[in-house]
Amino acid sequence: MADERSALAERTAETGWTRHQDDRVDVYMRGTARVRVIWQGDDVISGSSRFQDDIMESYTRELDTVRAWLAG
């Protein structure tokens, strides 16, 4: 089974998000929306921020919330 980080990357690619990654950080972009995810390993996040037009709208430490942001 794939780890959470890889699974999220696969799902988002299918829905039009582009992903830029570093060691612990993934940044997903689509249009003017951006989601920045900081990972602790490949299955748990430290936190995530959602931006619209470069303005931070939300912050979470819940992976389920990140999945919901990237599902739309």
Protein backbone atom coordinates (compact mmCIF):
# COMPACT_ATOMS: atom_id res chain seq x y z
CA MET A 1 0.00 0.00 0.00
CA ALA A 2 1.24 3.50 -0.84
CA ASP A 3 2.01 5.96 1.91
CA GLU A 4 -0.33 8.91 2.54
CA ARG A 5 1.97 11.44 0.88
CA SER A 6 2.19 9.44 -2.36
CA ALA A 7 -1.53 8.64 -2.35
CA LEU A 8 -2.41 12.32 -1.93
CA ALA A 9 -0.07 13.27 -4.77
CA GLU A 10 -1.71 10.72 -7.08
CA ARG A 11 -5.26 11.86 -6.27
CA THR A 12 -4.46 15.53 -6.75
CA ALA A 13 -2.72 14.95 -10.08
CA GLU A 14 -5.95 13.37 -11.33
CA THR A 15 -7.94 16.49 -10.40
CA GLY A 16 -5.66 19.09 -11.99
CA TRP A 17 -3.41 20.13 -9.11
CA THR A 18 0.30 20.60 -9.77
CA ARG A 19 2.71 19.62 -7.02
CA HIS A 20 6.11 20.96 -6.07
CA GLN A 21 7.94 19.08 -3.36
CA ASP A 22 10.90 19.44 -1.06
CA ASP A 23 12.11 17.10 1.68
CA ARG A 24 9.20 17.75 4.05
CA VAL A 25 6.98 20.19 2.16
CA ASP A 26 4.54 19.72 -0.72
CA VAL A 27 2.92 22.71 -2.39
CA TYR A 28 -0.17 22.02 -4.48
CA MET A 29 -1.35 24.68 -6.94
CA ARG A 30 -4.38 25.03 -9.18
CA GLY A 31 -5.41 28.39 -10.58
CA THR A 32 -5.15 30.97 -7.78
CA ALA A 33 -5.45 28.31 -5.05
CA ARG A 34 -2.42 26.96 -3.21
CA VAL A 35 -2.14 24.39 -0.42
CA ARG A 36 1.14 23.95 1.48
CA VAL A 37 1.55 20.70 3.43
CA ILE A 38 4.38 20.06 5.92
CA TRP A 39 4.98 16.36 6.49
CA GLN A 40 6.37 14.35 9.43
CA GLY A 41 7.53 11.34 7.45
CA ASP A 42 5.21 10.10 4.71
CA ASP A 43 2.02 9.38 6.66
CA VAL A 44 1.50 12.24 9.16
CA ILE A 45 1.40 16.01 8.62
CA SER A 46 2.71 18.72 10.93
CA GLY A 47 0.32 21.23 9.45
CA SER A 48 -1.12 22.70 6.28
CA SER A 49 -2.14 26.13 5.03
CA ARG A 50 -4.63 27.01 2.29
CA PHE A 51 -4.14 30.18 0.26
CA GLN A 52 -6.36 31.95 -2.26
CA ASP A 53 -4.83 34.77 -4.31
CA ASP A 54 -1.76 34.57 -2.02
CA ILE A 55 -3.86 35.29 1.09
CA MET A 56 -3.87 32.60 3.76
CA GLU A 57 -7.43 31.46 4.39
CA SER A 58 -7.07 28.45 6.66
CA TYR A 59 -4.65 26.36 8.67
CA THR A 60 -5.08 22.78 9.87
CA ARG A 61 -3.21 19.88 11.39
CA GLU A 62 -5.80 17.37 10.13
CA LEU A 63 -4.97 15.30 7.04
CA ASP A 64 -8.69 14.76 6.37
CA THR A 65 -9.15 18.52 6.07
CA VAL A 66 -6.27 18.73 3.58
CA ARG A 67 -7.86 15.96 1.54
CA ALA A 68 -11.13 17.92 1.48
CA TRP A 69 -9.36 21.12 0.36
CA LEU A 70 -7.69 19.26 -2.50
CA ALA A 71 -10.80 17.31 -3.51
CA GLY A 72 -12.64 20.40 -4.74
